[in-house]
Amino acid sequence: LKIENISSGVLLKWEQSNPQKEPLRYVVYRFVNNEKIDLDRNDKIISIQQGTVYKDAESRNYRQPIYIVTALDRLWNESKPSNKVSSN
């Protein structure tokens, strides 16, 4: 997972490792204010999507938000989390 600061927020990009070539969805989590990272908190999900790029226009409303991405397979099994990245 990589992050890029842009004028309208932050841009998150990640690479897809999908040896089975099955359709995947990605879950983007955002944690703020030094919150404990807890992927069981569905209120921290800001997107579930098919693409591997996400623009967070609301990132400027938070001080150093932390982002994590997971993948969902066709049966909605969630992968291990990506590395965590933070915005300045």
PDB file of N, CA and C in Angstrom:
ATOM      1  N   LEU A   1       0.848  -1.172   0.000  1.00  0.00           N
ATOM      2  CA  LEU A   1       0.000   0.000   0.000  1.00  0.00           C
ATOM      3  C   LEU A   1       0.888   1.228   0.000  1.00  0.00           C
ATOM      4  N   LYS A   2       0.600   2.145  -0.906  1.00  0.00           N
ATOM      5  CA  LYS A   2       1.359   3.394  -0.998  1.00  0.00           C
ATOM      6  C   LYS A   2       0.385   4.555  -0.917  1.00  0.00           C
ATOM      7  N   ILE A   3       0.881   5.682  -0.432  1.00  0.00           N
ATOM      8  CA  ILE A   3       0.050   6.870  -0.291  1.00  0.00           C
ATOM      9  C   ILE A   3       0.738   8.044  -0.975  1.00  0.00           C
ATOM     10  N   GLU A   4      -0.075   8.878  -1.570  1.00  0.00           N
ATOM     11  CA  GLU A   4       0.434  10.073  -2.242  1.00  0.00           C
ATOM     12  C   GLU A   4      -0.464  11.246  -1.850  1.00  0.00           C
ATOM     13  N   ASN A   5       0.148  12.323  -1.365  1.00  0.00           N
ATOM     14  CA  ASN A   5      -0.619  13.525  -1.036  1.00  0.00           C
ATOM     15  C   ASN A   5      -0.914  14.276  -2.326  1.00  0.00           C
ATOM     16  N   ILE A   6      -2.173  14.619  -2.534  1.00  0.00           N
ATOM     17  CA  ILE A   6      -2.589  15.400  -3.695  1.00  0.00           C
ATOM     18  C   ILE A   6      -3.366  16.613  -3.195  1.00  0.00           C
ATOM     19  N   SER A   7      -3.599  17.563  -4.059  1.00  0.00           N
ATOM     20  CA  SER A   7      -4.242  18.809  -3.625  1.00  0.00           C
ATOM     21  C   SER A   7      -5.634  18.590  -3.041  1.00  0.00           C
ATOM     22  N   SER A   8      -6.327  17.563  -3.473  1.00  0.00           N
ATOM     23  CA  SER A   8      -7.693  17.330  -2.993  1.00  0.00           C
ATOM     24  C   SER A   8      -7.784  16.218  -1.956  1.00  0.00           C
ATOM     25  N   GLY A   9      -6.675  15.862  -1.316  1.00  0.00           N
ATOM     26  CA  GLY A   9      -6.700  14.821  -0.296  1.00  0.00           C
ATOM     27  C   GLY A   9      -5.503  13.899  -0.409  1.00  0.00           C
ATOM     28  N   VAL A  10      -5.737  12.606  -0.302  1.00  0.00           N
ATOM     29  CA  VAL A  10      -4.679  11.615  -0.492  1.00  0.00           C
ATOM     30  C   VAL A  10      -5.140  10.558  -1.482  1.00  0.00           C
ATOM     31  N   LEU A  11      -4.173   9.993  -2.166  1.00  0.00           N
ATOM     32  CA  LEU A  11      -4.433   8.931  -3.128  1.00  0.00           C
ATOM     33  C   LEU A  11      -3.748   7.670  -2.624  1.00  0.00           C
ATOM     34  N   LEU A  12      -4.529   6.617  -2.438  1.00  0.00           N
ATOM     35  CA  LEU A  12      -4.001   5.318  -2.009  1.00  0.00           C
ATOM     36  C   LEU A  12      -3.918   4.412  -3.224  1.00  0.00           C
ATOM     37  N   LYS A  13      -2.802   3.694  -3.354  1.00  0.00           N
ATOM     38  CA  LYS A  13      -2.620   2.741  -4.457  1.00  0.00           C
ATOM     39  C   LYS A  13      -2.027   1.461  -3.886  1.00  0.00           C
ATOM     40  N   TRP A  14      -2.488   0.338  -4.422  1.00  0.00           N
ATOM     41  CA  TRP A  14      -1.935  -0.943  -3.997  1.00  0.00           C
ATOM     42  C   TRP A  14      -1.888  -1.884  -5.180  1.00  0.00           C
ATOM     43  N   GLU A  15      -1.038  -2.897  -5.046  1.00  0.00           N
ATOM     44  CA  GLU A  15      -0.890  -3.900  -6.099  1.00  0.00           C
ATOM     45  C   GLU A  15      -1.717  -5.120  -5.746  1.00  0.00           C
ATOM     46  N   GLN A  16      -2.163  -5.768  -6.776  1.00  0.00           N
ATOM     47  CA  GLN A  16      -3.032  -6.938  -6.624  1.00  0.00           C
ATOM     48  C   GLN A  16      -2.220  -8.206  -6.834  1.00  0.00           C
ATOM     49  N   SER A  17      -2.246  -9.105  -5.864  1.00  0.00           N
ATOM     50  CA  SER A  17      -1.664 -10.432  -6.007  1.00  0.00           C
ATOM     51  C   SER A  17      -2.829 -11.407  -6.021  1.00  0.00           C
ATOM     52  N   ASN A  18      -3.102 -11.954  -7.186  1.00  0.00           N
ATOM     53  CA  ASN A  18      -4.311 -12.762  -7.344  1.00  0.00           C
ATOM     54  C   ASN A  18      -4.018 -13.968  -8.234  1.00  0.00           C
ATOM     55  N   PRO A  19      -3.281 -14.964  -7.713  1.00  0.00           N
ATOM     56  CA  PRO A  19      -2.919 -16.128  -8.533  1.00  0.00           C
ATOM     57  C   PRO A  19      -4.122 -16.911  -9.067  1.00  0.00           C
ATOM     58  N   GLN A  20      -5.235 -16.920  -8.326  1.00  0.00           N
ATOM     59  CA  GLN A  20      -6.439 -17.654  -8.751  1.00  0.00           C
ATOM     60  C   GLN A  20      -7.207 -16.902  -9.835  1.00  0.00           C
ATOM     61  N   LYS A  21      -6.869 -15.635 -10.050  1.00  0.00           N
ATOM     62  CA  LYS A  21      -7.553 -14.789 -11.044  1.00  0.00           C
ATOM     63  C   LYS A  21      -9.048 -14.660 -10.770  1.00  0.00           C
ATOM     64  N   GLU A  22      -9.420 -14.724  -9.495  1.00  0.00           N
ATOM     65  CA  GLU A  22     -10.830 -14.566  -9.160  1.00  0.00           C
ATOM     66  C   GLU A  22     -11.138 -13.089  -8.930  1.00  0.00           C
ATOM     67  N   PRO A  23     -12.390 -12.699  -9.092  1.00  0.00           N
ATOM     68  CA  PRO A  23     -12.744 -11.298  -8.870  1.00  0.00           C
ATOM     69  C   PRO A  23     -12.612 -10.941  -7.388  1.00  0.00           C
ATOM     70  N   LEU A  24     -11.836  -9.925  -7.098  1.00  0.00           N
ATOM     71  CA  LEU A  24     -11.625  -9.497  -5.720  1.00  0.00           C
ATOM     72  C   LEU A  24     -12.255  -8.135  -5.482  1.00  0.00           C
ATOM     73  N   ARG A  25     -12.613  -7.901  -4.251  1.00  0.00           N
ATOM     74  CA  ARG A  25     -13.010  -6.574  -3.801  1.00  0.00           C
ATOM     75  C   ARG A  25     -12.028  -6.180  -2.707  1.00  0.00           C
ATOM     76  N   TYR A  26     -11.884  -4.894  -2.523  1.00  0.00           N
ATOM     77  CA  TYR A  26     -10.928  -4.385  -1.548  1.00  0.00           C
ATOM     78  C   TYR A  26     -11.649  -3.533  -0.515  1.00  0.00           C
ATOM     79  N   VAL A  27     -11.223  -3.688   0.731  1.00  0.00           N
ATOM     80  CA  VAL A  27     -11.793  -2.933   1.835  1.00  0.00           C
ATOM     81  C   VAL A  27     -10.734  -1.925   2.287  1.00  0.00           C
ATOM     82  N   VAL A  28     -11.106  -0.651   2.283  1.00  0.00           N
ATOM     83  CA  VAL A  28     -10.199   0.413   2.720  1.00  0.00           C
ATOM     84  C   VAL A  28     -10.651   0.879   4.107  1.00  0.00           C
ATOM     85  N   TYR A  29      -9.733   0.819   5.063  1.00  0.00           N
ATOM     86  CA  TYR A  29      -9.985   1.249   6.433  1.00  0.00           C
ATOM     87  C   TYR A  29      -9.225   2.549   6.706  1.00  0.00           C
ATOM     88  N   ARG A  30      -9.835   3.415   7.520  1.00  0.00           N
ATOM     89  CA  ARG A  30      -9.153   4.636   7.965  1.00  0.00           C
ATOM     90  C   ARG A  30      -9.294   4.738   9.486  1.00  0.00           C
ATOM     91  N   PHE A  31      -8.154   4.928  10.163  1.00  0.00           N
ATOM     92  CA  PHE A  31      -8.112   5.110  11.609  1.00  0.00           C
ATOM     93  C   PHE A  31      -7.513   6.487  11.885  1.00  0.00           C
ATOM     94  N   VAL A  32      -8.080   7.196  12.855  1.00  0.00           N
ATOM     95  CA  VAL A  32      -7.648   8.566  13.145  1.00  0.00           C
ATOM     96  C   VAL A  32      -7.401   8.754  14.642  1.00  0.00           C
ATOM     97  N   ASN A  33      -6.733   9.854  14.972  1.00  0.00           N
ATOM     98  CA  ASN A  33      -6.496  10.241  16.371  1.00  0.00           C
ATOM     99  C   ASN A  33      -5.824   9.144  17.187  1.00  0.00           C
ATOM    100  N   ASN A  34      -4.831   8.500  16.602  1.00  0.00           N
ATOM    101  CA  ASN A  34      -4.063   7.445  17.292  1.00  0.00           C
ATOM    102  C   ASN A  34      -4.928   6.299  17.793  1.00  0.00           C
ATOM    103  N   GLU A  35      -6.027   6.012  17.072  1.00  0.00           N
ATOM    104  CA  GLU A  35      -6.887   4.889  17.444  1.00  0.00           C
ATOM    105  C   GLU A  35      -6.137   3.571  17.305  1.00  0.00           C
ATOM    106  N   LYS A  36      -6.513   2.627  18.113  1.00  0.00           N
ATOM    107  CA  LYS A  36      -5.985   1.272  17.988  1.00  0.00           C
ATOM    108  C   LYS A  36      -6.490   0.681  16.666  1.00  0.00           C
ATOM    109  N   ILE A  37      -5.607   0.008  15.940  1.00  0.00           N
ATOM    110  CA  ILE A  37      -5.989  -0.645  14.690  1.00  0.00           C
ATOM    111  C   ILE A  37      -6.817  -1.875  15.037  1.00  0.00           C
ATOM    112  N   ASP A  38      -8.066  -1.870  14.621  1.00  0.00           N
ATOM    113  CA  ASP A  38      -8.983  -2.971  14.924  1.00  0.00           C
ATOM    114  C   ASP A  38      -9.861  -3.206  13.690  1.00  0.00           C
ATOM    115  N   LEU A  39      -9.525  -4.218  12.907  1.00  0.00           N
ATOM    116  CA  LEU A  39     -10.253  -4.491  11.664  1.00  0.00           C
ATOM    117  C   LEU A  39     -11.631  -5.100  11.906  1.00  0.00           C
ATOM    118  N   ASP A  40     -11.974  -5.360  13.148  1.00  0.00           N
ATOM    119  CA  ASP A  40     -13.334  -5.813  13.468  1.00  0.00           C
ATOM    120  C   ASP A  40     -14.308  -4.640  13.572  1.00  0.00           C
ATOM    121  N   ARG A  41     -13.789  -3.427  13.506  1.00  0.00           N
ATOM    122  CA  ARG A  41     -14.646  -2.237  13.598  1.00  0.00           C
ATOM    123  C   ARG A  41     -15.097  -1.840  12.193  1.00  0.00           C
ATOM    124  N   ASN A  42     -16.306  -2.221  11.853  1.00  0.00           N
ATOM    125  CA  ASN A  42     -16.795  -1.912  10.509  1.00  0.00           C
ATOM    126  C   ASN A  42     -17.061  -0.420  10.315  1.00  0.00           C
ATOM    127  N   ASP A  43     -17.114   0.354  11.387  1.00  0.00           N
ATOM    128  CA  ASP A  43     -17.291   1.798  11.247  1.00  0.00           C
ATOM    129  C   ASP A  43     -16.026   2.480  10.727  1.00  0.00           C
ATOM    130  N   LYS A  44     -14.929   1.756  10.630  1.00  0.00           N
ATOM    131  CA  LYS A  44     -13.674   2.296  10.103  1.00  0.00           C
ATOM    132  C   LYS A  44     -13.515   2.031   8.608  1.00  0.00           C
ATOM    133  N   ILE A  45     -14.449   1.302   8.010  1.00  0.00           N
ATOM    134  CA  ILE A  45     -14.418   1.040   6.571  1.00  0.00           C
ATOM    135  C   ILE A  45     -14.894   2.290   5.839  1.00  0.00           C
ATOM    136  N   ILE A  46     -14.063   2.778   4.915  1.00  0.00           N
ATOM    137  CA  ILE A  46     -14.463   3.951   4.132  1.00  0.00           C
ATOM    138  C   ILE A  46     -14.773   3.589   2.687  1.00  0.00           C
ATOM    139  N   SER A  47     -14.411   2.379   2.256  1.00  0.00           N
ATOM    140  CA  SER A  47     -14.749   1.949   0.898  1.00  0.00           C
ATOM    141  C   SER A  47     -14.636   0.435   0.775  1.00  0.00           C
ATOM    142  N   ILE A  48     -15.552  -0.137  -0.018  1.00  0.00           N
ATOM    143  CA  ILE A  48     -15.432  -1.515  -0.507  1.00  0.00           C
ATOM    144  C   ILE A  48     -15.566  -1.385  -2.010  1.00  0.00           C
ATOM    145  N   GLN A  49     -14.538  -1.803  -2.739  1.00  0.00           N
ATOM    146  CA  GLN A  49     -14.470  -1.508  -4.168  1.00  0.00           C
ATOM    147  C   GLN A  49     -13.688  -2.566  -4.917  1.00  0.00           C
ATOM    148  N   GLN A  50     -13.758  -2.495  -6.255  1.00  0.00           N
ATOM    149  CA  GLN A  50     -13.017  -3.440  -7.090  1.00  0.00           C
ATOM    150  C   GLN A  50     -11.674  -2.901  -7.544  1.00  0.00           C
ATOM    151  N   GLY A  51     -11.527  -1.605  -7.647  1.00  0.00           N
ATOM    152  CA  GLY A  51     -10.282  -1.009  -8.133  1.00  0.00           C
ATOM    153  C   GLY A  51      -9.185  -0.987  -7.083  1.00  0.00           C
ATOM    154  N   THR A  52      -7.964  -0.740  -7.539  1.00  0.00           N
ATOM    155  CA  THR A  52      -6.793  -0.722  -6.659  1.00  0.00           C
ATOM    156  C   THR A  52      -6.269   0.696  -6.414  1.00  0.00           C
ATOM    157  N   VAL A  53      -7.137   1.676  -6.562  1.00  0.00           N
ATOM    158  CA  VAL A  53      -6.814   3.071  -6.271  1.00  0.00           C
ATOM    159  C   VAL A  53      -8.002   3.678  -5.526  1.00  0.00           C
ATOM    160  N   TYR A  54      -7.711   4.459  -4.485  1.00  0.00           N
ATOM    161  CA  TYR A  54      -8.776   5.128  -3.744  1.00  0.00           C
ATOM    162  C   TYR A  54      -8.335   6.542  -3.403  1.00  0.00           C
ATOM    163  N   LYS A  55      -9.197   7.514  -3.665  1.00  0.00           N
ATOM    164  CA  LYS A  55      -8.924   8.908  -3.315  1.00  0.00           C
ATOM    165  C   LYS A  55      -9.760   9.271  -2.096  1.00  0.00           C
ATOM    166  N   ASP A  56      -9.089   9.696  -1.024  1.00  0.00           N
ATOM    167  CA  ASP A  56      -9.779  10.113   0.187  1.00  0.00           C
ATOM    168  C   ASP A  56      -9.772  11.636   0.249  1.00  0.00           C
ATOM    169  N   ALA A  57     -10.865  12.240  -0.172  1.00  0.00           N
ATOM    170  CA  ALA A  57     -10.987  13.695  -0.169  1.00  0.00           C
ATOM    171  C   ALA A  57     -11.207  14.230   1.239  1.00  0.00           C
ATOM    172  N   GLU A  58     -11.562  13.380   2.194  1.00  0.00           N
ATOM    173  CA  GLU A  58     -11.810  13.817   3.563  1.00  0.00           C
ATOM    174  C   GLU A  58     -10.570  13.730   4.449  1.00  0.00           C
ATOM    175  N   SER A  59      -9.442  13.311   3.904  1.00  0.00           N
ATOM    176  CA  SER A  59      -8.246  13.098   4.721  1.00  0.00           C
ATOM    177  C   SER A  59      -7.793  14.366   5.428  1.00  0.00           C
ATOM    178  N   ARG A  60      -8.056  15.521   4.846  1.00  0.00           N
ATOM    179  CA  ARG A  60      -7.630  16.787   5.452  1.00  0.00           C
ATOM    180  C   ARG A  60      -8.412  17.113   6.723  1.00  0.00           C
ATOM    181  N   ASN A  61      -9.507  16.414   6.952  1.00  0.00           N
ATOM    182  CA  ASN A  61     -10.297  16.624   8.167  1.00  0.00           C
ATOM    183  C   ASN A  61      -9.698  15.920   9.380  1.00  0.00           C
ATOM    184  N   TYR A  62      -8.631  15.143   9.172  1.00  0.00           N
ATOM    185  CA  TYR A  62      -8.041  14.340  10.239  1.00  0.00           C
ATOM    186  C   TYR A  62      -6.544  14.607  10.324  1.00  0.00           C
ATOM    187  N   ARG A  63      -6.015  14.440  11.521  1.00  0.00           N
ATOM    188  CA  ARG A  63      -4.581  14.587  11.719  1.00  0.00           C
ATOM    189  C   ARG A  63      -3.927  13.218  11.598  1.00  0.00           C
ATOM    190  N   GLN A  64      -3.093  13.049  10.613  1.00  0.00           N
ATOM    191  CA  GLN A  64      -2.366  11.817  10.330  1.00  0.00           C
ATOM    192  C   GLN A  64      -3.242  10.568  10.334  1.00  0.00           C
ATOM    193  N   PRO A  65      -4.209  10.499   9.420  1.00  0.00           N
ATOM    194  CA  PRO A  65      -4.999   9.270   9.331  1.00  0.00           C
ATOM    195  C   PRO A  65      -4.124   8.088   8.903  1.00  0.00           C
ATOM    196  N   ILE A  66      -4.469   6.921   9.390  1.00  0.00           N
ATOM    197  CA  ILE A  66      -3.761   5.686   9.033  1.00  0.00           C
ATOM    198  C   ILE A  66      -4.701   4.840   8.184  1.00  0.00           C
ATOM    199  N   TYR A  67      -4.167   4.296   7.103  1.00  0.00           N
ATOM    200  CA  TYR A  67      -4.959   3.496   6.168  1.00  0.00           C
ATOM    201  C   TYR A  67      -4.428   2.068   6.105  1.00  0.00           C
ATOM    202  N   ILE A  68      -5.354   1.135   5.941  1.00  0.00           N
ATOM    203  CA  ILE A  68      -5.042  -0.279   5.741  1.00  0.00           C
ATOM    204  C   ILE A  68      -6.029  -0.811   4.715  1.00  0.00           C
ATOM    205  N   VAL A  69      -5.568  -1.729   3.858  1.00  0.00           N
ATOM    206  CA  VAL A  69      -6.431  -2.337   2.851  1.00  0.00           C
ATOM    207  C   VAL A  69      -6.398  -3.851   3.019  1.00  0.00           C
ATOM    208  N   THR A  70      -7.559  -4.484   2.852  1.00  0.00           N
ATOM    209  CA  THR A  70      -7.646  -5.944   2.797  1.00  0.00           C
ATOM    210  C   THR A  70      -8.376  -6.331   1.511  1.00  0.00           C
ATOM    211  N   ALA A  71      -8.288  -7.599   1.146  1.00  0.00           N
ATOM    212  CA  ALA A  71      -8.989  -8.094  -0.043  1.00  0.00           C
ATOM    213  C   ALA A  71     -10.090  -9.052   0.387  1.00  0.00           C
ATOM    214  N   LEU A  72     -11.169  -9.052  -0.389  1.00  0.00           N
ATOM    215  CA  LEU A  72     -12.276  -9.988  -0.179  1.00  0.00           C
ATOM    216  C   LEU A  72     -12.389 -10.885  -1.406  1.00  0.00           C
ATOM    217  N   ASP A  73     -12.473 -12.200  -1.195  1.00  0.00           N
ATOM    218  CA  ASP A  73     -12.659 -13.105  -2.324  1.00  0.00           C
ATOM    219  C   ASP A  73     -14.152 -13.251  -2.634  1.00  0.00           C
ATOM    220  N   ARG A  74     -14.488 -14.142  -3.555  1.00  0.00           N
ATOM    221  CA  ARG A  74     -15.881 -14.274  -3.993  1.00  0.00           C
ATOM    222  C   ARG A  74     -16.815 -14.761  -2.891  1.00  0.00           C
ATOM    223  N   LEU A  75     -16.264 -15.389  -1.841  1.00  0.00           N
ATOM    224  CA  LEU A  75     -17.068 -15.844  -0.710  1.00  0.00           C
ATOM    225  C   LEU A  75     -17.002 -14.852   0.462  1.00  0.00           C
ATOM    226  N   TRP A  76     -16.428 -13.687   0.223  1.00  0.00           N
ATOM    227  CA  TRP A  76     -16.298 -12.605   1.201  1.00  0.00           C
ATOM    228  C   TRP A  76     -15.342 -12.943   2.346  1.00  0.00           C
ATOM    229  N   ASN A  77     -14.391 -13.857   2.100  1.00  0.00           N
ATOM    230  CA  ASN A  77     -13.329 -14.109   3.070  1.00  0.00           C
ATOM    231  C   ASN A  77     -12.342 -12.958   2.983  1.00  0.00           C
ATOM    232  N   GLU A  78     -11.967 -12.402   4.127  1.00  0.00           N
ATOM    233  CA  GLU A  78     -11.083 -11.240   4.137  1.00  0.00           C
ATOM    234  C   GLU A  78      -9.631 -11.679   4.321  1.00  0.00           C
ATOM    235  N   SER A  79      -8.736 -11.061   3.544  1.00  0.00           N
ATOM    236  CA  SER A  79      -7.317 -11.378   3.607  1.00  0.00           C
ATOM    237  C   SER A  79      -6.674 -10.754   4.842  1.00  0.00           C
ATOM    238  N   LYS A  80      -5.413 -11.063   5.036  1.00  0.00           N
ATOM    239  CA  LYS A  80      -4.632 -10.383   6.052  1.00  0.00           C
ATOM    240  C   LYS A  80      -4.482  -8.929   5.618  1.00  0.00           C
ATOM    241  N   PRO A  81      -4.271  -8.026   6.559  1.00  0.00           N
ATOM    242  CA  PRO A  81      -4.170  -6.608   6.206  1.00  0.00           C
ATOM    243  C   PRO A  81      -2.876  -6.263   5.480  1.00  0.00           C
ATOM    244  N   SER A  82      -2.950  -5.202   4.699  1.00  0.00           N
ATOM    245  CA  SER A  82      -1.770  -4.664   4.040  1.00  0.00           C
ATOM    246  C   SER A  82      -0.886  -4.001   5.104  1.00  0.00           C
ATOM    247  N   ASN A  83       0.217  -3.452   4.635  1.00  0.00           N
ATOM    248  CA  ASN A  83       0.986  -2.582   5.518  1.00  0.00           C
ATOM    249  C   ASN A  83       0.140  -1.358   5.828  1.00  0.00           C
ATOM    250  N   LYS A  84       0.441  -0.660   6.880  1.00  0.00           N
ATOM    251  CA  LYS A  84      -0.313   0.547   7.192  1.00  0.00           C
ATOM    252  C   LYS A  84       0.482   1.750   6.710  1.00  0.00           C
ATOM    253  N   VAL A  85      -0.239   2.747   6.196  1.00  0.00           N
ATOM    254  CA  VAL A  85       0.387   3.978   5.744  1.00  0.00           C
ATOM    255  C   VAL A  85      -0.338   5.144   6.413  1.00  0.00           C
ATOM    256  N   SER A  86       0.390   6.242   6.563  1.00  0.00           N
ATOM    257  CA  SER A  86      -0.173   7.409   7.212  1.00  0.00           C
ATOM    258  C   SER A  86       0.057   8.638   6.354  1.00  0.00           C
ATOM    259  N   SER A  87      -0.889   9.566   6.427  1.00  0.00           N
ATOM    260  CA  SER A  87      -0.791  10.825   5.710  1.00  0.00           C
ATOM    261  C   SER A  87      -0.254  11.887   6.647  1.00  0.00           C
ATOM    262  N   ASN A  88       0.520  12.816   6.119  1.00  0.00           N
ATOM    263  CA  ASN A  88       1.059  13.908   6.951  1.00  0.00           C
ATOM    264  C   ASN A  88       0.053  15.020   7.078  1.00  0.00           C
TER     265      ASN A  88
END
